[in-house]
Amino acid sequence: MHRLVPAEPVKGVPAKPPRPTESSGEGRELLQLKSDNIFEPLLDVLEAATLLRMHPRTLRAKARKRLVPAIQVGRRWRFRASTLNSWLERLPG
């Protein structure tokens, strides 16, 4: 029987990680990390700009100048919503 597997990931659909087995120590660690919800999805420029109510070009320029907390992954800027929230709370005004 043949399985259809996409050649590249579909945008917006997260890839499923392999399921850990109960017998491996690594599997228990992965299950523990998953249950703690440690991983926070990153926002792209459009999502973060919408959240901050600013133009994406302005946000990109501020990220480049390190005025806004951001992470550069390759040529793309990514933002953590929690980090942006704490950054906003520290701003005077």
N, C-alpha and C. Protein backbone atom coordinates (compact mmCIF):
# COMPACT_ATOMS: atom_id res chain seq x y z
N MET A 1 0.84 -1.16 0.00
CA MET A 1 0.00 0.00 0.00
C MET A 1 0.89 1.24 0.00
N HIS A 2 0.54 2.25 -0.78
CA HIS A 2 1.31 3.47 -0.86
C HIS A 2 0.71 4.54 0.04
N ARG A 3 1.59 5.29 0.70
CA ARG A 3 1.15 6.41 1.53
C ARG A 3 1.47 7.70 0.81
N LEU A 4 0.54 8.63 0.80
CA LEU A 4 0.78 9.94 0.22
C LEU A 4 1.43 10.83 1.27
N VAL A 5 2.61 11.33 0.95
CA VAL A 5 3.34 12.20 1.85
C VAL A 5 3.65 13.47 1.09
N PRO A 6 3.26 14.67 1.62
CA PRO A 6 3.56 15.90 0.91
C PRO A 6 5.07 16.12 0.79
N ALA A 7 5.49 16.67 -0.33
CA ALA A 7 6.91 16.92 -0.57
C ALA A 7 7.45 17.97 0.38
N GLU A 8 6.64 18.95 0.72
CA GLU A 8 7.04 19.98 1.67
C GLU A 8 5.87 20.26 2.59
N PRO A 9 6.16 20.80 3.79
CA PRO A 9 5.07 21.02 4.73
C PRO A 9 4.06 22.03 4.20
N VAL A 10 2.81 21.81 4.56
CA VAL A 10 1.74 22.71 4.15
C VAL A 10 1.75 23.90 5.10
N LYS A 11 1.69 25.12 4.54
CA LYS A 11 1.74 26.33 5.36
C LYS A 11 0.55 26.38 6.30
N GLY A 12 0.83 26.64 7.57
CA GLY A 12 -0.22 26.75 8.56
C GLY A 12 -0.59 25.44 9.23
N VAL A 13 -0.05 24.33 8.74
CA VAL A 13 -0.34 23.03 9.34
C VAL A 13 0.93 22.51 9.98
N PRO A 14 0.94 22.41 11.32
CA PRO A 14 2.16 21.95 11.98
C PRO A 14 2.46 20.50 11.65
N ALA A 15 3.74 20.19 11.48
CA ALA A 15 4.15 18.81 11.22
C ALA A 15 4.04 18.03 12.53
N LYS A 16 3.60 16.79 12.44
CA LYS A 16 3.48 15.97 13.64
C LYS A 16 4.84 15.38 14.00
N PRO A 17 5.29 15.60 15.24
CA PRO A 17 6.54 14.97 15.65
C PRO A 17 6.33 13.48 15.85
N PRO A 18 7.40 12.69 15.75
CA PRO A 18 7.24 11.25 15.97
C PRO A 18 6.79 10.98 17.40
N ARG A 19 5.92 9.98 17.54
CA ARG A 19 5.42 9.65 18.87
C ARG A 19 6.48 8.90 19.65
N PRO A 20 6.80 9.36 20.85
CA PRO A 20 7.80 8.66 21.65
C PRO A 20 7.24 7.36 22.20
N THR A 21 8.14 6.40 22.37
CA THR A 21 7.72 5.13 22.97
C THR A 21 7.90 5.23 24.47
N GLU A 22 7.12 4.46 25.19
CA GLU A 22 7.18 4.51 26.64
C GLU A 22 8.47 3.92 27.19
N SER A 23 9.12 3.03 26.43
CA SER A 23 10.30 2.35 26.94
C SER A 23 11.55 3.22 26.88
N SER A 24 11.55 4.27 26.06
CA SER A 24 12.75 5.10 25.93
C SER A 24 12.70 6.24 26.93
N GLY A 25 13.84 6.56 27.50
CA GLY A 25 13.95 7.69 28.41
C GLY A 25 13.68 9.00 27.70
N GLU A 26 14.09 9.08 26.45
CA GLU A 26 13.89 10.30 25.66
C GLU A 26 12.40 10.55 25.46
N GLY A 27 11.62 9.52 25.28
CA GLY A 27 10.19 9.65 25.08
C GLY A 27 9.51 10.26 26.29
N ARG A 28 9.92 9.83 27.48
CA ARG A 28 9.33 10.39 28.69
C ARG A 28 9.67 11.87 28.81
N GLU A 29 10.90 12.24 28.42
CA GLU A 29 11.30 13.65 28.47
C GLU A 29 10.47 14.47 27.49
N LEU A 30 10.24 13.93 26.29
CA LEU A 30 9.42 14.64 25.31
C LEU A 30 7.99 14.79 25.81
N LEU A 31 7.45 13.75 26.43
CA LEU A 31 6.10 13.83 26.96
C LEU A 31 6.03 14.86 28.08
N GLN A 32 7.07 14.92 28.89
CA GLN A 32 7.10 15.88 29.99
C GLN A 32 7.11 17.30 29.44
N LEU A 33 7.95 17.57 28.42
CA LEU A 33 8.01 18.89 27.83
C LEU A 33 6.67 19.27 27.21
N LYS A 34 6.03 18.33 26.54
CA LYS A 34 4.76 18.60 25.90
C LYS A 34 3.69 18.92 26.94
N SER A 35 3.69 18.22 28.05
CA SER A 35 2.66 18.44 29.05
C SER A 35 2.87 19.74 29.81
N ASP A 36 4.10 20.24 29.88
CA ASP A 36 4.37 21.49 30.59
C ASP A 36 4.06 22.72 29.74
N ASN A 37 3.79 22.54 28.44
CA ASN A 37 3.52 23.65 27.52
C ASN A 37 4.61 24.71 27.58
N ILE A 38 5.86 24.29 27.54
CA ILE A 38 6.99 25.21 27.59
C ILE A 38 7.13 25.95 26.26
N PHE A 39 6.87 25.28 25.16
CA PHE A 39 7.06 25.88 23.85
C PHE A 39 5.96 26.88 23.56
N GLU A 40 6.37 28.10 23.22
CA GLU A 40 5.42 29.14 22.85
C GLU A 40 5.60 29.44 21.37
N PRO A 41 4.54 29.31 20.59
CA PRO A 41 4.67 29.59 19.15
C PRO A 41 5.12 31.03 18.92
N LEU A 42 5.94 31.22 17.90
CA LEU A 42 6.43 32.55 17.57
C LEU A 42 5.49 33.23 16.58
N LEU A 43 5.36 34.54 16.72
CA LEU A 43 4.54 35.33 15.81
C LEU A 43 5.41 35.85 14.68
N ASP A 44 4.85 35.94 13.49
CA ASP A 44 5.59 36.58 12.40
C ASP A 44 5.36 38.09 12.46
N VAL A 45 5.93 38.82 11.53
CA VAL A 45 5.86 40.28 11.55
C VAL A 45 4.41 40.76 11.44
N LEU A 46 3.64 40.16 10.56
CA LEU A 46 2.25 40.60 10.38
C LEU A 46 1.41 40.36 11.64
N GLU A 47 1.59 39.21 12.27
CA GLU A 47 0.83 38.90 13.48
C GLU A 47 1.23 39.82 14.63
N ALA A 48 2.52 40.04 14.81
CA ALA A 48 3.00 40.91 15.88
C ALA A 48 2.60 42.36 15.63
N ALA A 49 2.68 42.80 14.38
CA ALA A 49 2.29 44.17 14.05
C ALA A 49 0.80 44.39 14.30
N THR A 50 -0.01 43.40 14.00
CA THR A 50 -1.44 43.49 14.27
C THR A 50 -1.69 43.57 15.77
N LEU A 51 -0.97 42.76 16.53
CA LEU A 51 -1.10 42.75 17.98
C LEU A 51 -0.71 44.11 18.57
N LEU A 52 0.37 44.70 18.05
CA LEU A 52 0.87 45.99 18.55
C LEU A 52 0.21 47.19 17.89
N ARG A 53 -0.62 46.93 16.87
CA ARG A 53 -1.30 47.98 16.12
C ARG A 53 -0.32 48.98 15.53
N MET A 54 0.64 48.43 14.80
CA MET A 54 1.59 49.26 14.06
C MET A 54 1.83 48.63 12.70
N HIS A 55 2.40 49.41 11.81
CA HIS A 55 2.65 48.92 10.46
C HIS A 55 3.78 47.89 10.50
N PRO A 56 3.69 46.83 9.70
CA PRO A 56 4.74 45.80 9.69
C PRO A 56 6.13 46.36 9.35
N ARG A 57 6.21 47.33 8.46
CA ARG A 57 7.53 47.92 8.15
C ARG A 57 8.12 48.64 9.35
N THR A 58 7.27 49.33 10.12
CA THR A 58 7.73 50.01 11.33
C THR A 58 8.25 48.99 12.33
N LEU A 59 7.51 47.91 12.52
CA LEU A 59 7.91 46.87 13.46
C LEU A 59 9.22 46.23 13.02
N ARG A 60 9.36 45.95 11.74
CA ARG A 60 10.59 45.36 11.21
C ARG A 60 11.79 46.29 11.45
N ALA A 61 11.60 47.60 11.23
CA ALA A 61 12.67 48.57 11.44
C ALA A 61 13.04 48.63 12.92
N LYS A 62 12.06 48.61 13.81
CA LYS A 62 12.34 48.65 15.25
C LYS A 62 13.04 47.37 15.71
N ALA A 63 12.67 46.24 15.13
CA ALA A 63 13.34 44.98 15.47
C ALA A 63 14.80 45.02 15.02
N ARG A 64 15.03 45.56 13.82
CA ARG A 64 16.38 45.66 13.29
C ARG A 64 17.26 46.53 14.18
N LYS A 65 16.67 47.61 14.74
CA LYS A 65 17.41 48.53 15.62
C LYS A 65 17.42 48.06 17.07
N ARG A 66 16.84 46.89 17.33
CA ARG A 66 16.76 46.29 18.67
C ARG A 66 15.94 47.15 19.64
N LEU A 67 14.94 47.86 19.13
CA LEU A 67 14.05 48.65 19.97
C LEU A 67 12.86 47.81 20.46
N VAL A 68 12.61 46.71 19.76
CA VAL A 68 11.53 45.77 20.10
C VAL A 68 12.17 44.40 20.27
N PRO A 69 11.80 43.65 21.31
CA PRO A 69 12.38 42.31 21.48
C PRO A 69 11.94 41.38 20.35
N ALA A 70 12.90 40.87 19.61
CA ALA A 70 12.62 40.02 18.46
C ALA A 70 13.72 39.00 18.28
N ILE A 71 13.41 37.97 17.53
CA ILE A 71 14.36 36.92 17.20
C ILE A 71 14.45 36.86 15.69
N GLN A 72 15.66 36.86 15.17
CA GLN A 72 15.80 36.73 13.73
C GLN A 72 16.14 35.28 13.39
N VAL A 73 15.29 34.69 12.59
CA VAL A 73 15.48 33.31 12.13
C VAL A 73 15.74 33.40 10.63
N GLY A 74 17.00 33.25 10.27
CA GLY A 74 17.38 33.48 8.87
C GLY A 74 17.20 34.94 8.54
N ARG A 75 16.38 35.23 7.55
CA ARG A 75 16.10 36.62 7.20
C ARG A 75 14.76 37.10 7.78
N ARG A 76 14.07 36.24 8.47
CA ARG A 76 12.74 36.54 8.99
C ARG A 76 12.80 36.95 10.46
N TRP A 77 11.94 37.85 10.86
CA TRP A 77 11.82 38.26 12.25
C TRP A 77 10.66 37.51 12.89
N ARG A 78 10.87 37.05 14.11
CA ARG A 78 9.83 36.36 14.87
C ARG A 78 9.73 37.01 16.25
N PHE A 79 8.55 36.93 16.84
CA PHE A 79 8.28 37.60 18.11
C PHE A 79 7.52 36.66 19.03
N ARG A 80 7.82 36.72 20.33
CA ARG A 80 7.06 35.99 21.34
C ARG A 80 6.02 36.95 21.91
N ALA A 81 4.78 36.53 21.95
CA ALA A 81 3.71 37.38 22.47
C ALA A 81 3.96 37.75 23.93
N SER A 82 4.42 36.80 24.73
CA SER A 82 4.66 37.07 26.15
C SER A 82 5.79 38.10 26.34
N THR A 83 6.82 38.01 25.50
CA THR A 83 7.92 38.96 25.58
C THR A 83 7.47 40.35 25.17
N LEU A 84 6.65 40.41 24.12
CA LEU A 84 6.11 41.71 23.70
C LEU A 84 5.23 42.31 24.79
N ASN A 85 4.45 41.49 25.46
CA ASN A 85 3.59 41.96 26.53
C ASN A 85 4.40 42.54 27.69
N SER A 86 5.43 41.84 28.12
CA SER A 86 6.26 42.35 29.21
C SER A 86 7.03 43.59 28.78
N TRP A 87 7.43 43.67 27.51
CA TRP A 87 8.11 44.85 26.98
C TRP A 87 7.16 46.06 27.03
N LEU A 88 5.91 45.85 26.65
CA LEU A 88 4.92 46.94 26.69
C LEU A 88 4.68 47.44 28.12
N GLU A 89 4.68 46.52 29.07
CA GLU A 89 4.46 46.90 30.48
C GLU A 89 5.61 47.74 31.02
N ARG A 90 6.81 47.54 30.51
CA ARG A 90 7.98 48.29 30.98
C ARG A 90 8.11 49.67 30.34
N LEU A 91 7.37 49.91 29.26
CA LEU A 91 7.46 51.21 28.58
C LEU A 91 6.85 52.31 29.45
N PRO A 92 7.49 53.49 29.48
CA PRO A 92 6.89 54.60 30.25
C PRO A 92 5.63 55.10 29.56
N GLY A 93 4.69 55.53 30.33
CA GLY A 93 3.50 56.13 29.72
C GLY A 93 2.30 55.63 30.30
